[in-house]
Amino acid sequence: MNKIGLTLVLMVVFIIGVVLTSTELYRPSMFKSISWNKAVTLTDDNIIIDIEYAKPLSPRQIVIMVHSTVYESDKKIWHELGIARRLLNYDSAVVLFDLRFHGNSTPALASGPVTLPQENMKYYGEDLESVIKWAKKNLGSLPIIIVCYGDSSKIVLEHALKDSSIKGIV
């Protein structure tokens, strides 16, 4: 066998070894078909919050993902980054939602003139609270982990101080 043939064989053996030992590629839930579902919930002040969620057969926790409140940010960011799908591979029920003034929640930024989202920070906590209630009702009483970034971190931390059902924040 020449050097090129031996090199190719070693590369194939190496790749097979990586695939077989990779935790992410070897997760049982990776082989299950999981689809994304749509839902809505209503806040106490009658804002419709648009929700997208997916649930593996036996989830161990609920991960609620909160996007930034920066203009034009919405739940799609978690799909674009690939984070939402990856969490499903680790047996997490995943809930994405649009804060008010964002995406498909009402009133969305595209629907006309509204006050700046930063002036409405106090209401974003109500949006999160509504989504947590929805998740508990529809996905079960599993531990809740919240993933957030940027200025939504303030919303999550303030809410977590008064909600003992939140078991982790990332």
Protein backbone atom coordinates (compact mmCIF):
# COMPACT_ATOMS: atom_id res chain seq x y z
CA MET A 1 0.00 0.00 0.00
CA ASN A 2 1.42 3.37 -0.97
CA LYS A 3 1.66 6.39 1.35
CA ILE A 4 -1.44 8.08 -0.11
CA GLY A 5 -3.58 4.96 0.40
CA LEU A 6 -2.34 4.51 3.97
CA THR A 7 -2.99 8.19 4.71
CA LEU A 8 -6.55 7.90 3.39
CA VAL A 9 -7.22 4.78 5.49
CA LEU A 10 -5.89 6.48 8.62
CA MET A 11 -8.02 9.57 7.93
CA VAL A 12 -11.17 7.45 7.52
CA VAL A 13 -10.42 5.54 10.74
CA PHE A 14 -9.84 8.84 12.56
CA ILE A 15 -13.10 10.36 11.28
CA ILE A 16 -15.08 7.24 12.24
CA GLY A 17 -13.52 7.37 15.71
CA VAL A 18 -14.47 11.03 16.13
CA VAL A 19 -18.04 10.36 15.02
CA LEU A 20 -18.46 7.37 17.35
CA THR A 21 -17.03 9.14 20.38
CA SER A 22 -18.57 12.57 19.86
CA THR A 23 -21.12 13.21 22.62
CA GLU A 24 -23.14 15.55 20.47
CA LEU A 25 -23.36 13.20 17.51
CA TYR A 26 -24.08 10.17 19.67
CA ARG A 27 -26.99 11.55 21.72
CA PRO A 28 -30.06 9.29 21.35
CA SER A 29 -32.42 12.24 20.91
CA MET A 30 -30.39 13.29 17.86
CA PHE A 31 -32.08 10.51 15.91
CA LYS A 32 -35.64 11.50 16.81
CA SER A 33 -37.65 13.79 14.61
CA ILE A 34 -38.50 16.91 16.59
CA SER A 35 -40.68 19.59 15.05
CA TRP A 36 -41.22 23.20 16.07
CA ASN A 37 -44.71 24.20 17.15
CA LYS A 38 -46.39 27.61 17.33
CA ALA A 39 -48.41 29.03 20.21
CA VAL A 40 -49.37 32.35 21.73
CA THR A 41 -49.98 33.55 25.26
CA LEU A 42 -51.59 36.70 26.56
CA THR A 43 -49.98 38.99 29.13
CA ASP A 44 -51.97 40.57 31.96
CA ASP A 45 -52.10 43.80 29.93
CA ASN A 46 -53.45 41.96 26.84
CA ILE A 47 -50.31 41.82 24.71
CA ILE A 48 -50.12 38.73 22.49
CA ILE A 49 -46.75 37.01 22.91
CA ASP A 50 -45.71 34.81 19.99
CA ILE A 51 -44.14 31.49 21.05
CA GLU A 52 -42.27 28.78 19.19
CA TYR A 53 -41.42 25.57 21.03
CA ALA A 54 -40.14 22.04 20.59
CA LYS A 55 -40.22 19.16 23.02
CA PRO A 56 -38.34 15.86 22.87
CA LEU A 57 -40.10 12.71 24.08
CA SER A 58 -38.64 12.86 27.60
CA PRO A 59 -37.36 16.34 28.37
CA ARG A 60 -35.28 16.85 31.51
CA GLN A 61 -35.78 20.62 31.70
CA ILE A 62 -37.42 23.55 29.97
CA VAL A 63 -35.07 26.09 28.43
CA ILE A 64 -36.67 29.47 27.77
CA MET A 65 -34.60 31.67 25.48
CA VAL A 66 -34.93 35.47 25.76
CA HIS A 67 -33.62 37.64 22.92
CA SER A 68 -32.18 41.13 23.33
CA THR A 69 -34.47 44.16 23.45
CA VAL A 70 -32.40 45.95 20.81
CA TYR A 71 -34.40 47.18 17.80
CA GLU A 72 -35.26 44.39 15.32
CA SER A 73 -34.10 41.58 17.61
CA ASP A 74 -36.46 38.62 17.90
CA LYS A 75 -36.63 34.88 18.58
CA LYS A 76 -35.15 34.02 15.15
CA ILE A 77 -31.68 34.79 16.49
CA TRP A 78 -31.67 31.49 18.41
CA HIS A 79 -32.34 29.54 15.19
CA GLU A 80 -29.78 31.54 13.24
CA LEU A 81 -27.10 30.77 15.83
CA GLY A 82 -28.11 27.08 15.93
CA ILE A 83 -28.43 27.14 19.71
CA ALA A 84 -32.11 26.18 19.91
CA ARG A 85 -31.68 22.98 17.87
CA ARG A 86 -28.56 22.01 19.77
CA LEU A 87 -30.39 22.21 23.12
CA LEU A 88 -33.00 19.76 21.82
CA ASN A 89 -30.21 17.24 21.36
CA TYR A 90 -29.65 17.38 25.12
CA ASP A 91 -33.23 16.47 26.03
CA SER A 92 -34.40 20.01 26.72
CA ALA A 93 -37.83 21.35 25.85
CA VAL A 94 -37.00 24.66 24.18
CA VAL A 95 -39.24 27.74 24.22
CA LEU A 96 -38.50 30.78 22.05
CA PHE A 97 -40.65 33.89 22.16
CA ASP A 98 -40.83 37.44 20.90
CA LEU A 99 -40.94 40.18 23.50
CA ARG A 100 -43.55 42.88 22.87
CA PHE A 101 -42.51 45.30 20.10
CA HIS A 102 -40.47 42.49 18.50
CA GLY A 103 -41.07 39.85 15.85
CA ASN A 104 -44.63 38.53 15.80
CA SER A 105 -45.71 39.71 19.24
CA THR A 106 -48.03 42.70 19.45
CA PRO A 107 -47.56 45.48 18.91
CA ALA A 108 -44.62 44.65 16.65
CA LEU A 109 -42.17 47.37 15.65
CA ALA A 110 -43.19 47.02 12.01
CA SER A 111 -46.84 47.79 12.77
CA GLY A 112 -46.36 51.52 13.17
CA PRO A 113 -44.99 54.11 15.55
CA VAL A 114 -44.45 52.92 19.09
CA THR A 115 -42.36 54.11 21.99
CA LEU A 116 -38.79 52.89 22.07
CA PRO A 117 -38.35 49.39 23.55
CA GLN A 118 -35.95 50.72 26.22
CA GLU A 119 -38.79 52.82 27.61
CA ASN A 120 -40.83 49.66 28.03
CA MET A 121 -38.33 47.53 29.98
CA LYS A 122 -40.74 47.22 32.90
CA TYR A 123 -43.23 45.42 30.65
CA TYR A 124 -40.76 42.85 29.33
CA GLY A 125 -40.81 41.15 32.74
CA GLU A 126 -44.56 40.62 32.26
CA ASP A 127 -43.84 39.02 28.89
CA LEU A 128 -41.34 36.63 30.49
CA GLU A 129 -43.74 35.83 33.32
CA SER A 130 -46.51 34.99 30.83
CA VAL A 131 -44.20 32.68 28.89
CA ILE A 132 -43.06 30.89 32.07
CA LYS A 133 -46.70 30.33 33.07
CA TRP A 134 -47.45 29.04 29.58
CA ALA A 135 -44.45 26.68 29.69
CA LYS A 136 -45.44 25.23 33.07
CA LYS A 137 -49.01 24.66 31.90
CA ASN A 138 -48.13 23.18 28.50
CA LEU A 139 -44.76 21.48 29.02
CA GLY A 140 -45.00 20.27 32.61
CA SER A 141 -43.40 21.03 35.93
CA LEU A 142 -39.79 20.58 34.87
CA PRO A 143 -36.88 22.71 36.06
CA ILE A 144 -36.71 25.99 34.14
CA ILE A 145 -33.45 27.33 32.75
CA ILE A 146 -33.38 30.73 31.06
CA VAL A 147 -30.86 31.65 28.37
CA CYS A 148 -30.50 35.38 27.67
CA TYR A 149 -28.02 37.93 26.40
CA GLY A 150 -27.48 41.66 26.38
CA ASP A 151 -30.05 43.86 28.03
CA SER A 152 -32.55 41.01 28.37
CA SER A 153 -30.28 39.72 31.15
CA LYS A 154 -31.55 42.52 33.40
CA ILE A 155 -35.15 41.44 32.79
CA VAL A 156 -34.33 37.81 33.56
CA LEU A 157 -32.33 38.56 36.72
CA GLU A 158 -35.03 40.85 38.10
CA HIS A 159 -37.70 38.23 37.41
CA ALA A 160 -35.62 35.39 38.89
CA LEU A 161 -35.43 37.21 42.22
CA LYS A 162 -39.17 36.68 42.67
CA ASP A 163 -39.65 33.34 40.84
CA SER A 164 -38.24 30.26 42.56
CA SER A 165 -39.17 28.02 39.62
CA ILE A 166 -36.16 29.36 37.70
CA LYS A 167 -33.35 26.92 38.42
CA GLY A 168 -30.65 28.42 36.24
CA ILE A 169 -29.70 31.42 34.13
CA VAL A 170 -27.18 31.40 31.29
